[in-house]
Amino acid sequence: MVKVLLVEDELLLARIIKDSLESRGYEVVHAADGRQGLELFATQQPDILVLDVMMPQMDGFTLAAEIRRYNTAVPIIFLTARSQVEDVVKGFELGGNDYLRKPFSMEELIVRIKALLQRPAPGDAPPAENGIFQIGAYTFDPVKQVLAHPQEQIVLSHRESELLRHLCMHRNAVLERGVALRELWGDDSIFNARSMDVYITKIRRHLQHDSTVQIINVRGIGYKLIC
């Protein structure tokens, strides 16, 4: 049975989430604040965490940062009423794997939980046997340089294809900017870094039909493909 650690200070919402998940066969451990959540994480060893961002004692971001000091693998979903892009990016930078903006449906939360539990470990994202990557609703063939979606098929440039391939190989982990620049551009000069930023923007545009697929800029480090 999958064990979920739910850290949420809104008791009514926590009860709704707990009851809904338990009715679907999950075991749910609830903490009403971040400090209690940290204690329960140490003793309960959950399979996945669902963390509210705004909480007393210790907020969700601080809790996630503390947990990532000891465990880099357990999936973390943030629940937040915030809509600023900066807050979303901060959550991913601190080790979050996904987020839901309040209000949300229980069906959406369950889909996100299932998707995270089925993901390969960070950095362990080989292509299928035929060499094709699955990126959300997209399929990506790096040999043919084709990114396919039910709504369209895009023929990528060589540089776009190679950069996307590197992102796929580091899926759910950070592709370091310097590594990508040296491997694809030959050096990590400022000029080439700006060029890579342009290609990242192009790839984001190509992936825009699936909102669950994101390329996050991890400030000062590199990029992270979330899918």
C-alpha atoms as a PDB file:
ATOM      1  CA  MET A   1       0.000   0.000   0.000  1.00  0.00           C
ATOM      2  CA  VAL A   2       1.304   3.430  -0.973  1.00  0.00           C
ATOM      3  CA  LYS A   3       1.878   5.679   2.037  1.00  0.00           C
ATOM      4  CA  VAL A   4       1.237   9.403   1.559  1.00  0.00           C
ATOM      5  CA  LEU A   5       2.455  12.043   3.991  1.00  0.00           C
ATOM      6  CA  LEU A   6       0.007  14.953   3.780  1.00  0.00           C
ATOM      7  CA  VAL A   7       1.161  18.166   5.450  1.00  0.00           C
ATOM      8  CA  GLU A   8      -1.706  20.655   5.398  1.00  0.00           C
ATOM      9  CA  ASP A   9      -2.839  23.120   8.076  1.00  0.00           C
ATOM     10  CA  GLU A  10      -6.354  23.646   6.664  1.00  0.00           C
ATOM     11  CA  LEU A  11      -8.033  20.843   8.592  1.00  0.00           C
ATOM     12  CA  LEU A  12     -11.176  20.647   6.469  1.00  0.00           C
ATOM     13  CA  LEU A  13      -9.173  20.389   3.251  1.00  0.00           C
ATOM     14  CA  ALA A  14      -6.838  17.878   4.889  1.00  0.00           C
ATOM     15  CA  ARG A  15      -9.803  15.705   5.892  1.00  0.00           C
ATOM     16  CA  ILE A  16     -11.226  15.799   2.359  1.00  0.00           C
ATOM     17  CA  ILE A  17      -7.876  14.823   0.837  1.00  0.00           C
ATOM     18  CA  LYS A  18      -7.244  12.119   3.424  1.00  0.00           C
ATOM     19  CA  ASP A  19     -10.680  10.554   3.037  1.00  0.00           C
ATOM     20  CA  SER A  20     -10.518  10.686  -0.761  1.00  0.00           C
ATOM     21  CA  LEU A  21      -7.091   9.052  -0.930  1.00  0.00           C
ATOM     22  CA  GLU A  22      -7.932   6.406   1.644  1.00  0.00           C
ATOM     23  CA  SER A  23     -11.098   5.498  -0.268  1.00  0.00           C
ATOM     24  CA  ARG A  24      -8.833   4.737  -3.224  1.00  0.00           C
ATOM     25  CA  GLY A  25      -6.537   2.455  -1.274  1.00  0.00           C
ATOM     26  CA  TYR A  26      -3.808   4.848  -0.138  1.00  0.00           C
ATOM     27  CA  GLU A  27      -2.513   5.034   3.426  1.00  0.00           C
ATOM     28  CA  VAL A  28      -2.438   8.683   4.530  1.00  0.00           C
ATOM     29  CA  VAL A  29      -0.485  10.163   7.434  1.00  0.00           C
ATOM     30  CA  HIS A  30      -1.498  13.759   8.204  1.00  0.00           C
ATOM     31  CA  ALA A  31       0.541  16.528   9.820  1.00  0.00           C
ATOM     32  CA  ALA A  32      -0.967  19.940  10.596  1.00  0.00           C
ATOM     33  CA  ASP A  33       2.269  21.942  10.294  1.00  0.00           C
ATOM     34  CA  GLY A  34       5.751  21.696   8.866  1.00  0.00           C
ATOM     35  CA  ARG A  35       7.560  20.713  12.045  1.00  0.00           C
ATOM     36  CA  GLN A  36       5.185  17.840  12.692  1.00  0.00           C
ATOM     37  CA  GLY A  37       5.551  16.892   9.042  1.00  0.00           C
ATOM     38  CA  LEU A  38       9.330  16.651   9.391  1.00  0.00           C
ATOM     39  CA  GLU A  39       8.971  14.435  12.460  1.00  0.00           C
ATOM     40  CA  LEU A  40       6.493  12.133  10.728  1.00  0.00           C
ATOM     41  CA  PHE A  41       8.672  11.912   7.642  1.00  0.00           C
ATOM     42  CA  ALA A  42      11.510  10.558   9.774  1.00  0.00           C
ATOM     43  CA  THR A  43       9.349   7.954  11.496  1.00  0.00           C
ATOM     44  CA  GLN A  44       6.787   6.955   8.849  1.00  0.00           C
ATOM     45  CA  GLN A  45       8.986   6.640   5.721  1.00  0.00           C
ATOM     46  CA  PRO A  46       6.263   7.695   3.245  1.00  0.00           C
ATOM     47  CA  ASP A  47       6.353   6.867  -0.465  1.00  0.00           C
ATOM     48  CA  ILE A  48       5.275  10.361  -1.517  1.00  0.00           C
ATOM     49  CA  LEU A  49       4.709  13.761   0.123  1.00  0.00           C
ATOM     50  CA  VAL A  50       1.919  16.274  -0.467  1.00  0.00           C
ATOM     51  CA  LEU A  51       2.936  19.591   1.123  1.00  0.00           C
ATOM     52  CA  ASP A  52       1.010  22.811   1.532  1.00  0.00           C
ATOM     53  CA  VAL A  53       3.260  25.819   0.972  1.00  0.00           C
ATOM     54  CA  MET A  54       1.824  28.323   3.474  1.00  0.00           C
ATOM     55  CA  MET A  55       1.850  26.737   6.950  1.00  0.00           C
ATOM     56  CA  PRO A  56       2.674  27.720  10.542  1.00  0.00           C
ATOM     57  CA  GLN A  57       5.843  26.570  12.323  1.00  0.00           C
ATOM     58  CA  MET A  58       7.601  25.627   9.084  1.00  0.00           C
ATOM     59  CA  ASP A  59       6.376  26.368   5.539  1.00  0.00           C
ATOM     60  CA  GLY A  60       6.298  23.783   2.783  1.00  0.00           C
ATOM     61  CA  PHE A  61       9.361  25.123   0.981  1.00  0.00           C
ATOM     62  CA  THR A  62      11.475  24.972   4.156  1.00  0.00           C
ATOM     63  CA  LEU A  63      10.169  21.498   4.922  1.00  0.00           C
ATOM     64  CA  ALA A  64      11.048  20.277   1.428  1.00  0.00           C
ATOM     65  CA  ALA A  65      14.554  21.725   1.721  1.00  0.00           C
ATOM     66  CA  GLU A  66      15.050  19.931   5.050  1.00  0.00           C
ATOM     67  CA  ILE A  67      13.810  16.633   3.617  1.00  0.00           C
ATOM     68  CA  ARG A  68      16.055  16.938   0.571  1.00  0.00           C
ATOM     69  CA  ARG A  69      19.075  17.085   2.897  1.00  0.00           C
ATOM     70  CA  TYR A  70      18.424  13.442   3.767  1.00  0.00           C
ATOM     71  CA  ASN A  71      16.371  12.075   0.902  1.00  0.00           C
ATOM     72  CA  THR A  72      16.662  13.177  -2.724  1.00  0.00           C
ATOM     73  CA  ALA A  73      14.372  10.548  -4.219  1.00  0.00           C
ATOM     74  CA  VAL A  74      10.978  10.694  -2.481  1.00  0.00           C
ATOM     75  CA  PRO A  75       8.485  12.572  -4.731  1.00  0.00           C
ATOM     76  CA  ILE A  76       7.114  15.882  -3.452  1.00  0.00           C
ATOM     77  CA  ILE A  77       3.949  17.628  -4.612  1.00  0.00           C
ATOM     78  CA  PHE A  78       3.317  21.205  -3.459  1.00  0.00           C
ATOM     79  CA  LEU A  79      -0.182  22.547  -2.852  1.00  0.00           C
ATOM     80  CA  THR A  80      -0.293  26.304  -3.199  1.00  0.00           C
ATOM     81  CA  ALA A  81      -2.689  29.213  -3.548  1.00  0.00           C
ATOM     82  CA  ARG A  82       0.141  31.240  -5.042  1.00  0.00           C
ATOM     83  CA  SER A  83       0.161  31.830  -8.792  1.00  0.00           C
ATOM     84  CA  GLN A  84       3.459  33.667  -9.269  1.00  0.00           C
ATOM     85  CA  VAL A  85       5.885  31.911 -11.582  1.00  0.00           C
ATOM     86  CA  GLU A  86       8.694  32.720  -9.138  1.00  0.00           C
ATOM     87  CA  ASP A  87       7.047  30.649  -6.414  1.00  0.00           C
ATOM     88  CA  VAL A  88       6.592  27.685  -8.736  1.00  0.00           C
ATOM     89  CA  VAL A  89      10.222  27.859  -9.837  1.00  0.00           C
ATOM     90  CA  LYS A  90      11.374  28.127  -6.226  1.00  0.00           C
ATOM     91  CA  GLY A  91       9.456  24.969  -5.383  1.00  0.00           C
ATOM     92  CA  PHE A  92      11.218  23.023  -8.130  1.00  0.00           C
ATOM     93  CA  GLU A  93      14.594  24.471  -7.155  1.00  0.00           C
ATOM     94  CA  LEU A  94      14.095  23.179  -3.608  1.00  0.00           C
ATOM     95  CA  GLY A  95      13.486  19.663  -4.877  1.00  0.00           C
ATOM     96  CA  GLY A  96       9.759  19.590  -5.587  1.00  0.00           C
ATOM     97  CA  ASN A  97       8.559  17.332  -8.382  1.00  0.00           C
ATOM     98  CA  ASP A  98       5.126  18.792  -9.063  1.00  0.00           C
ATOM     99  CA  TYR A  99       2.626  21.369  -7.822  1.00  0.00           C
ATOM    100  CA  LEU A 100      -1.100  21.982  -7.780  1.00  0.00           C
ATOM    101  CA  ARG A 101      -2.721  25.363  -7.455  1.00  0.00           C
ATOM    102  CA  LYS A 102      -5.699  25.626  -5.113  1.00  0.00           C
ATOM    103  CA  PRO A 103      -8.515  24.960  -5.706  1.00  0.00           C
ATOM    104  CA  PHE A 104      -7.901  21.617  -7.408  1.00  0.00           C
ATOM    105  CA  SER A 105      -9.867  18.448  -8.036  1.00  0.00           C
ATOM    106  CA  MET A 106      -9.096  15.229  -6.184  1.00  0.00           C
ATOM    107  CA  GLU A 107      -8.932  13.436  -9.520  1.00  0.00           C
ATOM    108  CA  GLU A 108      -6.121  15.731 -10.611  1.00  0.00           C
ATOM    109  CA  LEU A 109      -4.188  15.157  -7.382  1.00  0.00           C
ATOM    110  CA  ILE A 110      -4.525  11.388  -7.757  1.00  0.00           C
ATOM    111  CA  VAL A 111      -3.336  11.521 -11.368  1.00  0.00           C
ATOM    112  CA  ARG A 112      -0.283  13.526 -10.285  1.00  0.00           C
ATOM    113  CA  ILE A 113       0.477  11.070  -7.454  1.00  0.00           C
ATOM    114  CA  LYS A 114       0.257   8.082  -9.786  1.00  0.00           C
ATOM    115  CA  ALA A 115       2.431   9.778 -12.395  1.00  0.00           C
ATOM    116  CA  LEU A 116       5.166  10.592  -9.881  1.00  0.00           C
ATOM    117  CA  LEU A 117       5.200   7.093  -8.424  1.00  0.00           C
ATOM    118  CA  GLN A 118       5.586   5.646 -11.926  1.00  0.00           C
ATOM    119  CA  ARG A 119       8.417   7.953 -12.958  1.00  0.00           C
ATOM    120  CA  PRO A 120      11.958   6.685 -13.223  1.00  0.00           C
ATOM    121  CA  ALA A 121      14.399   7.925 -10.623  1.00  0.00           C
ATOM    122  CA  PRO A 122      15.950  11.346 -11.332  1.00  0.00           C
ATOM    123  CA  GLY A 123      18.583  11.077 -14.026  1.00  0.00           C
ATOM    124  CA  ASP A 124      17.476   7.525 -14.921  1.00  0.00           C
ATOM    125  CA  ALA A 125      15.479   8.185 -18.057  1.00  0.00           C
ATOM    126  CA  PRO A 126      16.680   6.007 -20.938  1.00  0.00           C
ATOM    127  CA  PRO A 127      14.690   5.944 -24.166  1.00  0.00           C
ATOM    128  CA  ALA A 128      12.511   3.012 -25.122  1.00  0.00           C
ATOM    129  CA  GLU A 129      14.077   0.079 -26.976  1.00  0.00           C
ATOM    130  CA  ASN A 130      13.368   1.752 -30.308  1.00  0.00           C
ATOM    131  CA  GLY A 131      15.298   4.841 -29.170  1.00  0.00           C
ATOM    132  CA  ILE A 132      12.198   7.034 -28.853  1.00  0.00           C
ATOM    133  CA  PHE A 133      11.536   9.142 -25.740  1.00  0.00           C
ATOM    134  CA  GLN A 134       8.072   9.685 -24.281  1.00  0.00           C
ATOM    135  CA  ILE A 135       7.622  13.261 -23.078  1.00  0.00           C
ATOM    136  CA  GLY A 136       4.126  13.579 -21.681  1.00  0.00           C
ATOM    137  CA  ALA A 137       1.796  13.407 -24.691  1.00  0.00           C
ATOM    138  CA  TYR A 138       4.755  13.780 -27.059  1.00  0.00           C
ATOM    139  CA  THR A 139       7.074  11.219 -28.607  1.00  0.00           C
ATOM    140  CA  PHE A 140      10.572  12.288 -29.543  1.00  0.00           C
ATOM    141  CA  ASP A 141      12.749  10.487 -32.068  1.00  0.00           C
ATOM    142  CA  PRO A 142      16.271  11.964 -31.789  1.00  0.00           C
ATOM    143  CA  VAL A 143      17.511  10.055 -34.836  1.00  0.00           C
ATOM    144  CA  LYS A 144      14.835  11.413 -37.173  1.00  0.00           C
ATOM    145  CA  GLN A 145      14.801  14.681 -35.178  1.00  0.00           C
ATOM    146  CA  VAL A 146      11.001  14.538 -34.968  1.00  0.00           C
ATOM    147  CA  LEU A 147       8.848  15.641 -32.028  1.00  0.00           C
ATOM    148  CA  ALA A 148       5.348  14.247 -32.493  1.00  0.00           C
ATOM    149  CA  HIS A 149       2.076  15.174 -30.782  1.00  0.00           C
ATOM    150  CA  PRO A 150      -1.495  14.173 -31.718  1.00  0.00           C
ATOM    151  CA  GLN A 151      -2.041  17.755 -32.898  1.00  0.00           C
ATOM    152  CA  GLU A 152       1.162  18.213 -34.873  1.00  0.00           C
ATOM    153  CA  GLN A 153       4.532  16.846 -35.895  1.00  0.00           C
ATOM    154  CA  ILE A 154       7.612  19.044 -35.663  1.00  0.00           C
ATOM    155  CA  VAL A 155      10.902  18.481 -37.454  1.00  0.00           C
ATOM    156  CA  LEU A 156      13.603  19.839 -35.142  1.00  0.00           C
ATOM    157  CA  SER A 157      16.911  21.364 -36.073  1.00  0.00           C
ATOM    158  CA  HIS A 158      20.005  19.363 -35.152  1.00  0.00           C
ATOM    159  CA  ARG A 159      20.770  21.697 -32.224  1.00  0.00           C
ATOM    160  CA  GLU A 160      17.190  21.563 -30.930  1.00  0.00           C
ATOM    161  CA  SER A 161      17.178  17.778 -31.166  1.00  0.00           C
ATOM    162  CA  GLU A 162      20.478  17.340 -29.341  1.00  0.00           C
ATOM    163  CA  LEU A 163      19.492  19.741 -26.567  1.00  0.00           C
ATOM    164  CA  LEU A 164      16.135  18.024 -26.106  1.00  0.00           C
ATOM    165  CA  ARG A 165      17.871  14.634 -26.052  1.00  0.00           C
ATOM    166  CA  HIS A 166      20.154  15.826 -23.247  1.00  0.00           C
ATOM    167  CA  LEU A 167      17.149  17.135 -21.314  1.00  0.00           C
ATOM    168  CA  CYS A 168      15.405  13.775 -21.733  1.00  0.00           C
ATOM    169  CA  MET A 169      18.441  11.877 -20.490  1.00  0.00           C
ATOM    170  CA  HIS A 170      18.380  14.069 -17.365  1.00  0.00           C
ATOM    171  CA  ARG A 171      14.583  14.054 -17.020  1.00  0.00           C
ATOM    172  CA  ASN A 172      13.418  15.055 -13.518  1.00  0.00           C
ATOM    173  CA  ALA A 173      17.023  15.964 -12.687  1.00  0.00           C
ATOM    174  CA  VAL A 174      19.042  19.072 -13.516  1.00  0.00           C
ATOM    175  CA  LEU A 175      20.963  19.324 -16.775  1.00  0.00           C
ATOM    176  CA  GLU A 176      23.878  21.533 -15.802  1.00  0.00           C
ATOM    177  CA  ARG A 177      24.274  24.526 -18.082  1.00  0.00           C
ATOM    178  CA  GLY A 178      28.056  24.224 -18.335  1.00  0.00           C
ATOM    179  CA  VAL A 179      27.905  20.532 -19.217  1.00  0.00           C
ATOM    180  CA  ALA A 180      25.367  21.096 -21.986  1.00  0.00           C
ATOM    181  CA  LEU A 181      27.288  24.056 -23.386  1.00  0.00           C
ATOM    182  CA  ARG A 182      30.586  22.196 -23.527  1.00  0.00           C
ATOM    183  CA  GLU A 183      29.049  19.104 -25.098  1.00  0.00           C
ATOM    184  CA  LEU A 184      26.819  20.855 -27.648  1.00  0.00           C
ATOM    185  CA  TRP A 185      28.508  24.217 -28.276  1.00  0.00           C
ATOM    186  CA  GLY A 186      32.143  23.353 -27.482  1.00  0.00           C
ATOM    187  CA  ASP A 187      32.572  25.943 -24.708  1.00  0.00           C
ATOM    188  CA  ASP A 188      30.545  27.717 -22.046  1.00  0.00           C
ATOM    189  CA  SER A 189      31.035  31.308 -23.164  1.00  0.00           C
ATOM    190  CA  ILE A 190      28.395  33.938 -22.455  1.00  0.00           C
ATOM    191  CA  PHE A 191      27.592  34.153 -26.162  1.00  0.00           C
ATOM    192  CA  ASN A 192      26.880  30.420 -26.353  1.00  0.00           C
ATOM    193  CA  ALA A 193      24.905  30.532 -23.089  1.00  0.00           C
ATOM    194  CA  ARG A 194      22.585  33.128 -24.609  1.00  0.00           C
ATOM    195  CA  SER A 195      22.260  30.979 -27.712  1.00  0.00           C
ATOM    196  CA  MET A 196      21.247  27.991 -25.576  1.00  0.00           C
ATOM    197  CA  ASP A 197      18.613  30.106 -23.803  1.00  0.00           C
ATOM    198  CA  VAL A 198      17.094  30.869 -27.214  1.00  0.00           C
ATOM    199  CA  TYR A 199      16.936  27.162 -28.060  1.00  0.00           C
ATOM    200  CA  ILE A 200      15.360  26.377 -24.684  1.00  0.00           C
ATOM    201  CA  THR A 201      12.636  28.929 -25.476  1.00  0.00           C
ATOM    202  CA  LYS A 202      12.049  27.267 -28.855  1.00  0.00           C
ATOM    203  CA  ILE A 203      11.763  23.814 -27.272  1.00  0.00           C
ATOM    204  CA  ARG A 204       9.327  25.126 -24.649  1.00  0.00           C
ATOM    205  CA  ARG A 205       7.194  26.489 -27.476  1.00  0.00           C
ATOM    206  CA  HIS A 206       7.270  23.123 -29.241  1.00  0.00           C
ATOM    207  CA  LEU A 207       6.044  21.414 -26.027  1.00  0.00           C
ATOM    208  CA  GLN A 208       3.272  23.901 -25.283  1.00  0.00           C
ATOM    209  CA  HIS A 209       0.376  21.530 -26.087  1.00  0.00           C
ATOM    210  CA  ASP A 210       0.968  19.487 -22.911  1.00  0.00           C
ATOM    211  CA  SER A 211       0.778  21.635 -19.778  1.00  0.00           C
ATOM    212  CA  THR A 212       2.227  18.831 -17.623  1.00  0.00           C
ATOM    213  CA  VAL A 213       5.542  19.125 -19.485  1.00  0.00           C
ATOM    214  CA  GLN A 214       7.775  21.948 -18.279  1.00  0.00           C
ATOM    215  CA  ILE A 215      11.373  23.014 -18.632  1.00  0.00           C
ATOM    216  CA  ILE A 216      12.335  24.802 -15.435  1.00  0.00           C
ATOM    217  CA  ASN A 217      15.240  27.218 -15.208  1.00  0.00           C
ATOM    218  CA  VAL A 218      17.175  26.319 -12.043  1.00  0.00           C
ATOM    219  CA  ARG A 219      18.948  29.582 -11.357  1.00  0.00           C
ATOM    220  CA  GLY A 220      22.706  29.438 -11.557  1.00  0.00           C
ATOM    221  CA  ILE A 221      22.732  25.706 -12.295  1.00  0.00           C
ATOM    222  CA  GLY A 222      20.877  24.715 -15.444  1.00  0.00           C
ATOM    223  CA  TYR A 223      17.565  23.339 -16.677  1.00  0.00           C
ATOM    224  CA  LYS A 224      15.191  20.637 -15.480  1.00  0.00           C
ATOM    225  CA  LEU A 225      12.721  18.807 -17.728  1.00  0.00           C
ATOM    226  CA  ILE A 226       9.575  17.905 -15.770  1.00  0.00           C
ATOM    227  CA  CYS A 227       7.274  15.409 -17.458  1.00  0.00           C
END
